[in-house]
Protein backbone atom coordinates (compact mmCIF):
# COMPACT_ATOMS: atom_id res chain seq x y z
CA UNK A 1 -14.16 -7.53 0.34
CA UNK A 2 -14.13 -4.62 -2.06
CA UNK A 3 -17.87 -4.08 -1.62
CA UNK A 4 -17.60 -4.23 2.17
CA UNK A 5 -14.44 -2.18 2.71
CA UNK A 6 -14.02 -0.24 -0.55
CA UNK A 7 -16.21 2.65 0.53
CA UNK A 8 -14.25 3.12 3.77
CA UNK A 9 -17.55 3.80 5.51
CA UNK A 10 -17.43 1.22 8.30
CA UNK A 11 -15.00 3.14 10.46
CA UNK A 12 -12.46 5.88 9.93
CA UNK A 13 -9.36 6.28 12.05
CA UNK A 14 -5.91 7.69 11.84
CA UNK A 15 -2.77 5.60 11.70
CA UNK A 16 -1.95 6.24 15.36
CA UNK A 17 -5.41 5.10 16.46
CA UNK A 18 -5.03 1.95 14.36
CA UNK A 19 -1.62 1.29 15.96
CA UNK A 20 -3.17 1.66 19.41
CA UNK A 21 -5.97 -0.76 18.47
CA UNK A 22 -3.40 -3.18 17.13
CA UNK A 23 -2.05 -3.57 20.66
CA UNK A 24 -5.36 -5.19 21.66
CA UNK A 25 -4.82 -8.01 19.19
CA UNK A 26 -3.34 -11.37 20.14
CA UNK A 27 -1.61 -12.49 16.96
CA UNK A 28 -2.48 -16.14 16.28
CA UNK A 29 0.84 -16.63 14.49
CA UNK A 30 2.80 -15.50 17.55
CA UNK A 31 0.51 -15.58 20.62
CA UNK A 32 3.21 -15.70 23.29
CA UNK A 33 5.04 -12.53 22.33
CA UNK A 34 5.37 -10.26 25.34
CA UNK A 35 5.49 -6.91 23.52
CA UNK A 36 2.71 -4.94 21.78
CA UNK A 37 1.90 -5.52 18.12
CA UNK A 38 2.55 -1.86 17.41
CA UNK A 39 6.16 -2.45 18.45
CA UNK A 40 6.50 -5.11 15.76
CA UNK A 41 5.02 -2.72 13.18
CA UNK A 42 7.58 -0.06 14.11
CA UNK A 43 10.37 -2.66 14.03
CA UNK A 44 9.35 -3.65 10.51
CA UNK A 45 9.38 -0.06 9.27
CA UNK A 46 12.67 0.69 11.04
CA UNK A 47 14.32 -2.44 9.65
CA UNK A 48 13.30 -1.43 6.15
CA UNK A 49 14.57 2.12 6.78
CA UNK A 50 17.98 0.82 7.78
CA UNK A 51 18.19 -1.52 4.79
CA UNK A 52 16.68 0.93 2.27
CA UNK A 53 17.09 4.52 3.54
CA UNK A 54 16.38 5.91 0.08
CA UNK A 55 12.96 4.20 -0.23
CA UNK A 56 10.61 5.99 2.15
CA UNK A 57 7.63 4.49 0.33
CA UNK A 58 8.92 1.01 1.22
CA UNK A 59 9.17 1.97 4.90
CA UNK A 60 5.54 3.09 4.83
CA UNK A 61 4.44 -0.11 3.10
CA UNK A 62 6.13 -2.15 5.85
CA UNK A 63 4.21 -0.26 8.53
CA UNK A 64 0.92 -0.49 6.62
CA UNK A 65 1.39 -4.21 6.09
CA UNK A 66 1.44 -4.76 9.84
CA UNK A 67 -1.37 -2.26 10.40
CA UNK A 68 -3.60 -4.46 8.26
CA UNK A 69 -3.74 -6.93 11.15
CA UNK A 70 -6.16 -4.54 12.87
CA UNK A 71 -8.90 -5.96 10.60
CA UNK A 72 -8.89 -9.07 12.80
CA UNK A 73 -10.43 -6.93 15.56
CA UNK A 74 -13.38 -6.30 13.24
CA UNK A 75 -14.12 -9.93 12.43
CA UNK A 76 -11.70 -10.70 9.62
CA UNK A 77 -9.69 -13.91 9.98
CA UNK A 78 -6.02 -13.69 10.80
């Protein structure tokens, strides 16, 4: 994985573009959810913000964790 993705040369995108792409994904772990995956990512970050307002790094990690699901659109298993 490091050799394939470590150079970051396959595709570059901003966080907002990745969030938009995430909405195209049907999450195998929750396929019948009727709201976009980006909404879940924002909910995660917001929930962490409420619980840990002093840890902005933790809020970002929560968002990035959900953003990682976008790799499934590029052939990685969910």
